Protein backbone atom coordinates (compact mmCIF):
# COMPACT_ATOMS: atom_id res chain seq x y z
CA MET A 1 -40.99 24.00 -18.47
CA ASN A 2 -43.14 21.14 -19.65
CA ASP A 3 -46.69 21.17 -18.41
CA ASN A 4 -47.43 17.91 -20.23
CA ALA A 5 -44.50 15.83 -19.13
CA PRO A 6 -45.99 14.11 -16.06
CA ALA A 7 -48.92 12.69 -17.99
CA GLY A 8 -46.72 11.77 -20.90
CA VAL A 9 -44.11 10.04 -18.74
CA ALA A 10 -46.69 8.01 -16.96
CA ALA A 11 -48.20 7.00 -20.25
CA GLY A 12 -44.84 6.06 -21.60
CA GLY A 13 -44.45 3.77 -18.66
CA GLY A 14 -47.78 2.25 -19.45
CA ALA A 15 -49.61 3.50 -16.40
CA ALA A 16 -51.15 6.76 -17.48
CA SER A 17 -54.87 7.20 -17.51
CA SER A 18 -54.91 10.69 -18.98
CA PRO A 19 -53.68 11.88 -22.36
CA PRO A 20 -51.07 14.63 -22.78
CA GLY A 21 -51.76 17.82 -20.95
CA ASP A 22 -53.60 19.34 -23.83
CA GLN A 23 -56.35 16.84 -23.24
CA ALA A 24 -57.25 17.72 -19.65
CA PRO A 25 -60.99 17.40 -18.90
CA ALA A 26 -63.11 20.44 -19.59
CA PRO A 27 -64.42 22.28 -16.51
CA ALA A 28 -67.89 21.34 -15.38
CA GLY A 29 -70.50 23.67 -16.71
CA GLY A 30 -68.33 24.91 -19.58
CA SER A 31 -69.97 25.55 -22.93
CA ALA A 32 -69.71 23.05 -25.77
CA GLY A 33 -67.62 25.56 -27.72
CA ARG A 34 -65.14 25.90 -24.88
CA ARG A 35 -64.89 22.14 -24.46
CA PHE A 36 -64.29 21.78 -28.19
CA LEU A 37 -61.52 24.38 -28.22
CA LYS A 38 -59.95 22.85 -25.16
CA SER A 39 -60.00 19.42 -26.76
CA LEU A 40 -58.01 20.89 -29.60
CA GLY A 41 -55.44 22.64 -27.52
CA GLY A 42 -55.85 21.65 -23.89
CA GLY A 43 -54.89 23.47 -20.68
CA GLY A 44 -53.98 26.92 -21.88
CA GLY A 45 -54.68 25.51 -25.33
CA ARG A 46 -58.08 27.16 -25.49
CA GLY A 47 -56.40 30.55 -25.30
CA ARG A 48 -53.75 29.57 -27.83
CA MET A 49 -56.34 28.29 -30.27
CA LEU A 50 -58.46 31.42 -29.88
CA GLY A 51 -55.41 33.56 -30.56
CA LEU A 52 -54.61 31.61 -33.72
CA ILE A 53 -58.19 31.68 -34.96
CA VAL A 54 -58.48 35.42 -34.32
CA ALA A 55 -55.21 36.02 -36.18
CA LEU A 56 -56.41 33.96 -39.15
CA ILE A 57 -59.77 35.75 -39.20
CA LEU A 58 -58.05 39.14 -39.12
CA ILE A 59 -55.88 38.18 -42.08
CA CYS A 60 -58.94 36.98 -43.98
CA LEU A 61 -60.72 40.27 -43.21
CA VAL A 62 -57.73 42.21 -44.53
CA GLY A 63 -57.78 40.07 -47.67
CA ALA A 64 -61.53 40.55 -48.17
CA ILE A 65 -61.26 44.32 -47.68
CA THR A 66 -58.20 44.89 -49.85
CA ALA A 67 -58.80 42.32 -52.61
CA GLY A 68 -62.59 42.04 -52.49
CA ASP A 69 -64.21 39.33 -54.59
CA ARG A 70 -60.85 38.07 -55.83
CA PHE A 71 -60.01 36.90 -52.28
CA VAL A 72 -63.34 35.35 -51.30
CA ASP A 73 -63.75 33.60 -54.64
CA THR A 74 -63.99 29.81 -54.33
CA ALA A 75 -61.17 29.27 -56.81
CA ASN A 76 -58.90 31.49 -54.71
CA VAL A 77 -59.78 29.60 -51.52
CA LEU A 78 -58.81 26.35 -53.24
CA THR A 79 -55.58 28.00 -54.39
CA ILE A 80 -54.76 28.82 -50.76
CA LEU A 81 -55.50 25.26 -49.69
CA ARG A 82 -53.37 23.82 -52.51
CA ALA A 83 -50.49 26.05 -51.46
CA ALA A 84 -50.96 25.00 -47.83
CA ALA A 85 -51.05 21.28 -48.54
CA VAL A 86 -47.35 20.59 -49.19
CA LEU A 87 -46.13 22.91 -46.42
CA GLY A 88 -48.75 21.45 -44.09
CA VAL A 89 -47.65 17.83 -44.50
CA VAL A 90 -44.00 18.78 -43.97
CA SER A 91 -44.93 20.86 -40.92
CA ILE A 92 -46.83 17.98 -39.35
CA GLY A 93 -43.70 15.83 -39.41
CA VAL A 94 -41.66 18.69 -37.97
CA THR A 95 -44.25 19.06 -35.19
CA PHE A 96 -43.39 15.60 -33.88
CA VAL A 97 -39.65 16.33 -33.95
CA ILE A 98 -40.01 19.64 -32.11
CA THR A 99 -42.42 18.14 -29.60
CA ALA A 100 -39.76 15.51 -28.87
CA GLY A 101 -37.28 18.29 -28.14
CA GLY A 102 -35.41 18.23 -31.46
CA ILE A 103 -35.31 20.21 -34.67
CA ASP A 104 -35.29 19.08 -38.30
CA LEU A 105 -33.67 21.47 -40.76
CA SER A 106 -33.42 18.89 -43.53
CA VAL A 107 -37.06 18.42 -44.55
CA GLY A 108 -36.89 20.83 -47.50
CA SER A 109 -33.79 19.19 -48.97
CA VAL A 110 -35.15 15.71 -48.30
CA LEU A 111 -38.30 16.70 -50.19
CA GLY A 112 -36.16 17.79 -53.15
CA LEU A 113 -34.10 14.59 -53.05
CA ALA A 114 -37.21 12.40 -52.86
CA SER A 115 -38.81 14.20 -55.81
CA VAL A 116 -35.66 13.76 -57.91
CA TRP A 117 -35.24 10.09 -57.01
CA ALA A 118 -38.88 9.33 -57.76
CA THR A 119 -38.70 10.96 -61.20
CA THR A 120 -35.47 9.39 -62.47
CA LEU A 121 -35.72 7.60 -65.79
CA ALA A 122 -35.26 4.21 -64.13
CA THR A 123 -38.00 4.82 -61.56
CA GLN A 124 -40.48 6.12 -64.11
CA ARG A 125 -39.72 3.24 -66.46
CA MET A 126 -40.41 0.82 -63.62
CA ALA A 127 -43.63 2.69 -62.89
CA GLU A 128 -44.71 2.37 -66.52
CA ASP A 129 -44.11 -1.37 -66.38
CA THR A 130 -46.03 -1.80 -63.13
CA HIS A 131 -47.95 1.08 -61.51
CA TRP A 132 -47.33 4.72 -60.69
CA LEU A 133 -47.47 3.76 -57.01
CA VAL A 134 -43.82 2.78 -57.51
CA MET A 135 -43.00 6.49 -57.68
CA VAL A 136 -44.96 7.12 -54.48
CA PHE A 137 -43.20 4.28 -52.70
CA THR A 138 -39.80 5.51 -53.90
CA ALA A 139 -40.35 9.05 -52.65
CA ALA A 140 -41.66 7.83 -49.30
CA ALA A 141 -38.78 5.37 -48.92
CA VAL A 142 -36.15 7.99 -49.72
CA GLY A 143 -37.68 10.41 -47.22
CA THR A 144 -37.94 7.76 -44.51
CA ALA A 145 -34.36 6.62 -45.12
CA ALA A 146 -33.07 10.18 -44.78
CA GLY A 147 -35.07 10.58 -41.59
CA LEU A 148 -33.68 7.31 -40.24
CA VAL A 149 -30.14 8.53 -40.85
CA ASN A 150 -30.96 11.75 -39.01
CA GLY A 151 -32.42 9.80 -36.11
CA LEU A 152 -29.51 7.38 -35.85
CA ILE A 153 -26.98 10.23 -35.87
CA VAL A 154 -28.92 12.17 -33.23
CA ALA A 155 -29.84 9.24 -30.98
CA TYR A 156 -26.80 6.97 -31.20
CA GLY A 157 -24.17 9.40 -32.49
CA LYS A 158 -25.19 11.90 -29.78
CA VAL A 159 -24.99 14.76 -32.27
CA VAL A 160 -27.21 17.76 -31.63
CA SER A 161 -30.21 17.58 -33.95
CA PHE A 162 -29.52 21.08 -35.27
CA ILE A 163 -26.10 19.98 -36.55
CA ALA A 164 -27.16 16.53 -37.73
CA THR A 165 -30.08 17.80 -39.77
CA LEU A 166 -28.07 20.77 -41.05
CA ALA A 167 -25.59 18.27 -42.46
CA MET A 168 -28.46 16.33 -44.02
CA LEU A 169 -29.84 19.56 -45.48
CA ILE A 170 -26.58 20.15 -47.33
CA ALA A 171 -25.93 16.52 -48.27
CA ALA A 172 -29.45 15.78 -49.52
CA ARG A 173 -29.50 18.88 -51.70
CA GLY A 174 -26.10 17.96 -53.13
CA LEU A 175 -27.14 14.37 -53.82
CA ALA A 176 -30.30 15.59 -55.55
CA GLU A 177 -28.20 17.82 -57.81
CA ILE A 178 -25.85 14.94 -58.65
CA ILE A 179 -28.71 12.57 -59.51
CA SER A 180 -30.60 15.09 -61.62
CA GLY A 181 -27.60 16.87 -63.11
CA ARG A 182 -29.33 20.07 -61.96
CA ARG A 183 -32.01 19.44 -64.58
CA THR A 184 -35.75 19.37 -64.10
CA GLN A 185 -37.13 15.84 -64.53
CA LEU A 186 -40.64 15.84 -65.94
CA VAL A 187 -43.23 13.35 -64.74
CA THR A 188 -44.23 11.30 -67.76
CA ASP A 189 -46.74 8.94 -66.14
CA SER A 190 -50.19 10.24 -67.02
CA GLY A 191 -51.81 8.14 -64.31
CA PHE A 192 -49.69 9.76 -61.61
CA GLU A 193 -50.37 13.28 -62.89
CA GLY A 194 -54.04 12.58 -63.33
CA PHE A 195 -54.44 11.41 -59.74
CA PHE A 196 -52.34 13.95 -57.84
CA ASP A 197 -53.26 16.93 -60.02
CA GLY A 198 -56.91 15.96 -60.02
CA ASN A 199 -59.89 16.71 -57.81
CA PHE A 200 -62.33 14.79 -55.66
CA LEU A 201 -65.72 16.37 -54.92
CA GLY A 202 -64.34 19.62 -56.32
CA VAL A 203 -61.41 19.69 -53.90
CA PRO A 204 -57.83 19.08 -55.13
CA THR A 205 -56.46 15.64 -54.27
CA ILE A 206 -53.42 17.04 -52.47
CA VAL A 207 -55.74 18.96 -50.13
CA TRP A 208 -57.48 15.70 -49.25
CA ILE A 209 -54.08 14.14 -48.60
CA PHE A 210 -53.21 17.03 -46.29
CA ALA A 211 -56.46 16.58 -44.39
CA ILE A 212 -55.95 12.82 -44.04
CA VAL A 213 -52.35 13.20 -42.89
CA ALA A 214 -53.41 15.84 -40.35
CA ALA A 215 -56.19 13.61 -38.99
CA ILE A 216 -53.89 10.60 -38.65
CA ALA A 217 -51.19 12.74 -37.03
CA TRP A 218 -53.70 14.17 -34.52
CA VAL A 219 -54.72 10.67 -33.47
CA LEU A 220 -51.08 9.57 -33.32
CA LEU A 221 -50.03 12.48 -31.12
CA ASN A 222 -53.07 12.67 -28.86
CA ARG A 223 -54.51 9.20 -28.67
CA THR A 224 -51.60 6.76 -28.80
CA THR A 225 -48.71 5.70 -26.60
CA PHE A 226 -46.34 6.87 -29.32
CA GLY A 227 -47.68 10.43 -29.00
CA ARG A 228 -47.51 10.39 -25.22
CA ARG A 229 -43.97 9.13 -25.33
CA THR A 230 -43.06 11.89 -27.80
CA VAL A 231 -44.38 14.52 -25.39
CA ALA A 232 -42.61 12.83 -22.47
CA VAL A 233 -39.25 12.66 -24.27
CA GLY A 234 -39.47 16.33 -25.23
CA GLY A 235 -40.62 17.45 -21.80
CA ASN A 236 -38.10 15.61 -19.63
CA ALA A 237 -35.92 13.01 -21.30
CA GLU A 238 -34.42 11.73 -18.05
CA ALA A 239 -37.82 11.27 -16.45
CA ALA A 240 -39.02 9.52 -19.59
CA ARG A 241 -36.02 7.17 -19.45
CA LEU A 242 -36.71 6.36 -15.80
CA ALA A 243 -40.31 5.64 -16.78
CA GLY A 244 -39.06 2.92 -19.11
CA ILE A 245 -39.08 4.68 -22.46
CA ASN A 246 -36.26 3.79 -24.85
CA ILE A 247 -35.28 7.38 -25.65
CA LYS A 248 -32.85 6.59 -28.47
CA ARG A 249 -35.19 4.26 -30.30
CA HIS A 250 -38.07 6.69 -29.97
CA LEU A 251 -36.00 9.56 -31.38
CA VAL A 252 -35.13 7.41 -34.40
CA TYR A 253 -38.84 6.75 -34.94
CA VAL A 254 -39.69 10.45 -34.67
CA PHE A 255 -37.06 11.57 -37.18
CA ALA A 256 -38.04 8.74 -39.53
CA LEU A 257 -41.63 9.96 -39.32
CA SER A 258 -40.51 13.47 -40.23
CA GLY A 259 -38.61 12.09 -43.23
CA PHE A 260 -41.64 10.05 -44.26
CA THR A 261 -43.88 13.13 -44.30
CA ALA A 262 -41.23 14.94 -46.36
CA GLY A 263 -41.41 12.04 -48.84
CA ILE A 264 -45.21 12.30 -49.00
CA ALA A 265 -44.89 16.04 -49.52
CA ALA A 266 -42.47 15.34 -52.38
CA VAL A 267 -45.14 13.25 -54.10
CA MET A 268 -47.64 16.06 -53.65
CA MET A 269 -45.15 18.58 -55.03
CA MET A 270 -44.52 16.34 -58.06
CA GLY A 271 -48.26 16.13 -58.64
CA ARG A 272 -48.64 19.91 -58.34
CA THR A 273 -45.73 20.86 -60.59
CA GLY A 274 -45.48 17.80 -62.84
CA ALA A 275 -41.75 17.51 -62.22
CA GLY A 276 -39.01 16.57 -59.78
CA THR A 277 -36.08 18.90 -59.24
CA SER A 278 -33.37 19.55 -56.69
CA THR A 279 -34.80 23.02 -56.10
CA HIS A 280 -38.07 21.66 -54.72
CA GLY A 281 -38.49 22.48 -51.04
CA MET A 282 -35.86 25.22 -51.00
CA LEU A 283 -36.04 26.92 -47.55
CA LEU A 284 -39.29 25.07 -46.86
CA GLU A 285 -37.85 23.95 -43.51
CA LEU A 286 -37.89 27.52 -42.22
CA ASP A 287 -41.54 28.03 -43.16
CA ALA A 288 -42.40 24.70 -41.56
CA ILE A 289 -40.64 25.49 -38.28
CA ALA A 290 -42.22 28.95 -38.17
CA ALA A 291 -45.69 27.50 -38.81
CA VAL A 292 -45.20 24.88 -36.10
CA VAL A 293 -44.04 27.40 -33.50
CA VAL A 294 -46.70 29.96 -34.40
CA GLY A 295 -49.20 27.12 -34.12
CA GLY A 296 -48.39 26.68 -30.44
CA THR A 297 -45.83 23.87 -30.30
CA LEU A 298 -43.07 24.64 -27.82
CA LEU A 299 -39.71 25.05 -29.53
CA ILE A 300 -38.03 23.51 -26.47
CA GLY A 301 -40.24 20.41 -26.70
CA GLY A 302 -42.78 18.83 -24.38
CA ARG A 303 -45.89 20.27 -25.99
CA GLY A 304 -47.24 19.87 -29.50
CA THR A 305 -50.46 20.50 -31.32
CA ILE A 306 -51.38 19.28 -34.79
CA ILE A 307 -54.44 21.53 -35.07
CA GLY A 308 -52.30 24.52 -34.15
CA THR A 309 -49.79 23.57 -36.82
CA VAL A 310 -52.54 23.33 -39.43
CA ILE A 311 -53.82 26.79 -38.49
CA GLY A 312 -50.27 28.14 -38.48
CA VAL A 313 -49.78 26.86 -42.02
CA LEU A 314 -53.07 28.44 -43.12
CA ILE A 315 -51.97 31.75 -41.60
CA PHE A 316 -48.78 31.68 -43.66
CA THR A 317 -50.38 30.69 -46.94
CA THR A 318 -53.31 33.09 -46.53
CA LEU A 319 -50.87 35.90 -45.84
CA GLU A 320 -48.93 35.09 -48.97
CA ASN A 321 -52.12 35.00 -51.01
CA VAL A 322 -53.21 38.42 -49.71
CA PHE A 323 -49.80 39.83 -50.65
CA VAL A 324 -49.98 38.41 -54.15
CA LEU A 325 -53.50 39.70 -54.75
CA ASN A 326 -52.42 43.18 -53.68
CA ASN A 327 -49.28 43.10 -55.86
CA LEU A 328 -46.95 43.77 -52.93
CA SER A 329 -43.24 43.28 -53.49
CA THR A 330 -41.50 40.30 -51.94
CA SER A 331 -39.54 42.64 -49.66
CA VAL A 332 -42.74 44.15 -48.31
CA GLN A 333 -44.17 40.67 -47.98
CA ALA A 334 -41.25 39.52 -45.84
CA LEU A 335 -41.42 42.65 -43.69
CA VAL A 336 -45.15 42.44 -43.06
CA GLN A 337 -45.03 38.67 -42.60
CA GLY A 338 -42.49 39.03 -39.82
CA GLY A 339 -44.57 41.69 -38.09
CA ILE A 340 -47.80 39.72 -38.31
CA ILE A 341 -46.09 36.59 -37.01
CA VAL A 342 -45.04 38.53 -33.93
CA VAL A 343 -48.58 39.85 -33.51
CA ALA A 344 -49.97 36.33 -33.85
CA VAL A 345 -47.64 35.06 -31.15
CA LEU A 346 -48.53 37.99 -28.85
CA LEU A 347 -52.23 37.23 -29.37
CA GLN A 348 -51.58 33.61 -28.46
CA GLN A 349 -49.86 34.61 -25.24
CA ARG A 350 -52.62 37.06 -24.33
CA PHE A 351 -55.37 34.48 -24.77
CA ALA A 352 -53.25 31.82 -23.09
CA VAL A 353 -52.98 33.96 -19.95
CA ARG A 354 -56.74 34.47 -19.95
CA GLY A 355 -57.28 30.77 -20.51
CA THR A 356 -55.14 29.76 -17.53
CA SER A 357 -56.26 32.49 -15.10
CA PRO A 358 -58.90 31.47 -12.56
């Protein structure tokens, strides 16, 4: 059931005066804190956001208690943010796809393909002759092209997005292996490495990129016709079509956007590791989908939240950091991660009920 669809459909038809459901006006007399939380998550969103924030705080408390100064150290906080940056940018693109009622399983493989293509000898030689931005453009173009193919297959080929993007997952990974010969391609452009592996005001560049992408995505989803149409398509495609939205064209745009963010994430991964390889982004799509859903975006479409996705990503990366600091095995990590994800979702539901009750 889509509680945002009516507003989104009307907007798609150009007649809406209110943003997607998450942006309903705050109740008169409510505190500034409540209005702020509601602006982030909307009707029922206040409860969802509280649940996410409580879950993240609990994880941080566990980290501070079990790892002490090693966890609260500034360097460790930056390590968490660096780890969250690549996953975060990918997850933001996936948020739009899921909000539109689809799924994108290919983002991890597309990231790997984009990183390989952008670090080929020919591309890097061209970058040396001109500017390292050539590598950035190449990665973004490869990601966008892969997303366009996904969108065209889903929208005009009428193939279920799960199957279409699963095929892209396999094909993109295979193409990346063919191009690279299953070898790691080192980034040789010092300007590229210096920028993306550097810092600004003491904060890693890729973290700034994550923050900028998240801010732009929030505006796009919550303050533009494109975002309202995305919510409308995911909530009720037939109603959106009757409201005048070109469903097929919009789906192509949404998948292309997801591919574009995967390309940007590939650039960030290249900056972080100093290389492009077909193994980049392996299984990243599963982490991204989990972060998006834990963040409060409906898996069936019709409701999406960028802030929730960002917090969901931070929950995942903070969890992983706590596990590493406590020298837990990967098996224990997976087991505990699954349990805490369930707890986080239950907390969301509990606060959501409170948030919607009179």
